[in-house]
Amino acid sequence: MRRQASLGDIDFITGDYLAANNAEAHRAGNHPGYEAAAWDGLKDTIDLIAEKGIRVVINGGALIRMG
């Protein structure tokens, strides 16, 4: 994410992490419910995102199927 934010003038960063694999672990209480790589990337880049006014959209949650 930091590399994307540092490459010139951009308006948006999007991230889609395949967190569906963690749904079972989340339901069992063994996973926080989000993809750690998504959170780490955001923490590492937040200063640059704020400085440049970049909008960020991330899908990094664990998909939980019902039924």
N, C-alpha and C. Protein backbone atom coordinates (compact mmCIF):
# COMPACT_ATOMS: atom_id res chain seq x y z
N MET A 1 0.82 -1.17 0.00
CA MET A 1 0.00 0.00 0.00
C MET A 1 0.87 1.25 0.00
N ARG A 2 1.93 1.22 0.76
CA ARG A 2 2.82 2.40 0.81
C ARG A 2 3.42 2.67 -0.56
N ARG A 3 3.79 1.63 -1.27
CA ARG A 3 4.36 1.81 -2.62
C ARG A 3 3.34 2.47 -3.53
N GLN A 4 2.09 2.02 -3.47
CA GLN A 4 1.04 2.62 -4.28
C GLN A 4 0.88 4.10 -3.94
N ALA A 5 0.87 4.42 -2.66
CA ALA A 5 0.66 5.80 -2.23
C ALA A 5 1.81 6.71 -2.63
N SER A 6 3.00 6.15 -2.75
CA SER A 6 4.15 6.98 -3.06
C SER A 6 4.40 7.17 -4.55
N LEU A 7 3.66 6.48 -5.39
CA LEU A 7 3.88 6.55 -6.84
C LEU A 7 3.05 7.65 -7.49
N GLY A 8 3.48 8.87 -7.37
CA GLY A 8 2.83 9.97 -8.07
C GLY A 8 1.51 10.41 -7.47
N ASP A 9 0.74 11.12 -8.28
CA ASP A 9 -0.54 11.66 -7.84
C ASP A 9 -1.64 10.63 -8.07
N ILE A 10 -2.20 10.14 -7.00
CA ILE A 10 -3.32 9.21 -7.09
C ILE A 10 -4.44 9.69 -6.20
N ASP A 11 -5.67 9.32 -6.55
CA ASP A 11 -6.85 9.73 -5.78
C ASP A 11 -7.31 8.64 -4.82
N PHE A 12 -7.23 7.38 -5.25
CA PHE A 12 -7.76 6.27 -4.47
C PHE A 12 -6.77 5.12 -4.40
N ILE A 13 -6.82 4.39 -3.30
CA ILE A 13 -6.17 3.09 -3.17
C ILE A 13 -7.26 2.11 -2.80
N THR A 14 -7.31 1.00 -3.50
CA THR A 14 -8.26 -0.05 -3.14
C THR A 14 -7.50 -1.31 -2.78
N GLY A 15 -8.03 -2.05 -1.86
CA GLY A 15 -7.43 -3.31 -1.46
C GLY A 15 -8.51 -4.35 -1.23
N ASP A 16 -8.35 -5.51 -1.83
CA ASP A 16 -9.30 -6.60 -1.64
C ASP A 16 -8.50 -7.82 -1.21
N TYR A 17 -8.63 -8.17 0.04
CA TYR A 17 -7.87 -9.28 0.60
C TYR A 17 -8.78 -10.49 0.70
N LEU A 18 -8.27 -11.63 0.33
CA LEU A 18 -9.06 -12.86 0.34
C LEU A 18 -9.19 -13.38 1.76
N ALA A 19 -10.01 -12.71 2.53
CA ALA A 19 -10.17 -13.05 3.93
C ALA A 19 -11.23 -14.12 4.15
N ALA A 20 -11.91 -14.53 3.10
CA ALA A 20 -12.96 -15.54 3.24
C ALA A 20 -12.41 -16.83 3.83
N ASN A 21 -11.15 -17.11 3.58
CA ASN A 21 -10.54 -18.32 4.13
C ASN A 21 -10.49 -18.30 5.65
N ASN A 22 -10.64 -17.15 6.25
CA ASN A 22 -10.56 -17.02 7.69
C ASN A 22 -11.93 -17.07 8.38
N ALA A 23 -12.99 -17.24 7.62
CA ALA A 23 -14.34 -17.20 8.18
C ALA A 23 -14.55 -18.28 9.24
N GLU A 24 -14.12 -19.49 8.96
CA GLU A 24 -14.29 -20.58 9.92
C GLU A 24 -13.51 -20.30 11.20
N ALA A 25 -12.28 -19.84 11.07
CA ALA A 25 -11.45 -19.53 12.24
C ALA A 25 -12.08 -18.39 13.04
N HIS A 26 -12.64 -17.40 12.35
CA HIS A 26 -13.28 -16.28 13.05
C HIS A 26 -14.51 -16.77 13.82
N ARG A 27 -15.30 -17.59 13.18
CA ARG A 27 -16.52 -18.12 13.82
C ARG A 27 -16.15 -18.94 15.07
N ALA A 28 -15.00 -19.64 15.02
CA ALA A 28 -14.55 -20.45 16.15
C ALA A 28 -13.84 -19.62 17.22
N GLY A 29 -13.67 -18.33 16.97
CA GLY A 29 -13.01 -17.46 17.93
C GLY A 29 -11.49 -17.48 17.84
N ASN A 30 -10.97 -17.99 16.72
CA ASN A 30 -9.52 -18.10 16.55
C ASN A 30 -8.95 -17.11 15.55
N HIS A 31 -9.70 -16.11 15.19
CA HIS A 31 -9.24 -15.11 14.20
C HIS A 31 -9.91 -13.79 14.54
N PRO A 32 -9.21 -12.68 14.38
CA PRO A 32 -9.78 -11.38 14.78
C PRO A 32 -10.93 -10.88 13.89
N GLY A 33 -11.12 -11.47 12.72
CA GLY A 33 -12.22 -11.03 11.85
C GLY A 33 -11.80 -10.06 10.78
N TYR A 34 -10.53 -9.80 10.67
CA TYR A 34 -10.01 -8.94 9.61
C TYR A 34 -8.66 -9.50 9.17
N GLU A 35 -8.25 -9.12 7.98
CA GLU A 35 -6.97 -9.59 7.44
C GLU A 35 -5.84 -8.70 7.97
N ALA A 36 -4.92 -9.27 8.68
CA ALA A 36 -3.85 -8.51 9.31
C ALA A 36 -3.02 -7.71 8.29
N ALA A 37 -2.82 -8.26 7.10
CA ALA A 37 -2.03 -7.56 6.08
C ALA A 37 -2.71 -6.25 5.68
N ALA A 38 -4.03 -6.22 5.66
CA ALA A 38 -4.75 -4.99 5.33
C ALA A 38 -4.51 -3.93 6.40
N TRP A 39 -4.62 -4.33 7.65
CA TRP A 39 -4.41 -3.40 8.76
C TRP A 39 -2.96 -2.92 8.82
N ASP A 40 -2.01 -3.84 8.63
CA ASP A 40 -0.60 -3.46 8.66
C ASP A 40 -0.27 -2.47 7.54
N GLY A 41 -0.79 -2.71 6.35
CA GLY A 41 -0.55 -1.80 5.23
C GLY A 41 -1.09 -0.41 5.49
N LEU A 42 -2.27 -0.35 6.10
CA LEU A 42 -2.88 0.94 6.41
C LEU A 42 -2.07 1.67 7.48
N LYS A 43 -1.67 0.97 8.53
CA LYS A 43 -0.87 1.60 9.59
C LYS A 43 0.45 2.13 9.05
N ASP A 44 1.07 1.37 8.16
CA ASP A 44 2.36 1.75 7.60
C ASP A 44 2.27 2.95 6.65
N THR A 45 1.09 3.22 6.14
CA THR A 45 0.92 4.20 5.07
C THR A 45 0.08 5.41 5.47
N ILE A 46 -0.53 5.38 6.65
CA ILE A 46 -1.52 6.39 7.03
C ILE A 46 -0.98 7.81 6.95
N ASP A 47 0.30 8.01 7.27
CA ASP A 47 0.86 9.35 7.21
C ASP A 47 0.87 9.88 5.78
N LEU A 48 1.27 9.06 4.84
CA LEU A 48 1.32 9.46 3.44
C LEU A 48 -0.08 9.63 2.86
N ILE A 49 -1.00 8.78 3.26
CA ILE A 49 -2.38 8.87 2.83
C ILE A 49 -2.97 10.21 3.26
N ALA A 50 -2.75 10.56 4.52
CA ALA A 50 -3.27 11.83 5.04
C ALA A 50 -2.62 13.03 4.35
N GLU A 51 -1.31 12.96 4.18
CA GLU A 51 -0.58 14.06 3.54
C GLU A 51 -1.07 14.33 2.13
N LYS A 52 -1.34 13.27 1.37
CA LYS A 52 -1.74 13.42 -0.03
C LYS A 52 -3.26 13.47 -0.22
N GLY A 53 -4.02 13.25 0.85
CA GLY A 53 -5.48 13.27 0.74
C GLY A 53 -6.04 12.11 -0.08
N ILE A 54 -5.38 10.97 0.01
CA ILE A 54 -5.79 9.78 -0.75
C ILE A 54 -6.98 9.12 -0.05
N ARG A 55 -7.95 8.72 -0.83
CA ARG A 55 -9.09 7.96 -0.29
C ARG A 55 -8.74 6.48 -0.37
N VAL A 56 -9.16 5.73 0.65
CA VAL A 56 -8.82 4.31 0.74
C VAL A 56 -10.09 3.49 0.92
N VAL A 57 -10.20 2.43 0.14
CA VAL A 57 -11.30 1.47 0.27
C VAL A 57 -10.66 0.10 0.42
N ILE A 58 -10.96 -0.58 1.52
CA ILE A 58 -10.38 -1.89 1.77
C ILE A 58 -11.48 -2.88 2.12
N ASN A 59 -11.43 -4.04 1.49
CA ASN A 59 -12.26 -5.16 1.88
C ASN A 59 -11.32 -6.17 2.52
N GLY A 60 -11.22 -6.13 3.82
CA GLY A 60 -10.29 -7.01 4.52
C GLY A 60 -10.93 -7.76 5.66
N GLY A 61 -12.26 -7.86 5.62
CA GLY A 61 -12.96 -8.55 6.70
C GLY A 61 -13.17 -10.01 6.40
N ALA A 62 -13.32 -10.80 7.44
CA ALA A 62 -13.58 -12.22 7.27
C ALA A 62 -15.06 -12.43 6.94
N LEU A 63 -15.29 -13.07 5.84
CA LEU A 63 -16.65 -13.37 5.39
C LEU A 63 -17.24 -14.44 6.31
N ILE A 64 -18.41 -14.14 6.84
CA ILE A 64 -19.07 -15.11 7.71
C ILE A 64 -20.37 -15.54 7.04
N ARG A 65 -20.44 -16.79 6.70
CA ARG A 65 -21.65 -17.32 6.07
C ARG A 65 -22.64 -17.72 7.14
N MET A 66 -23.88 -17.39 6.91
CA MET A 66 -24.95 -17.76 7.84
C MET A 66 -25.72 -18.94 7.27
N GLY A 67 -26.12 -19.83 8.12
CA GLY A 67 -26.99 -20.94 7.70
C GLY A 67 -26.35 -22.13 7.17
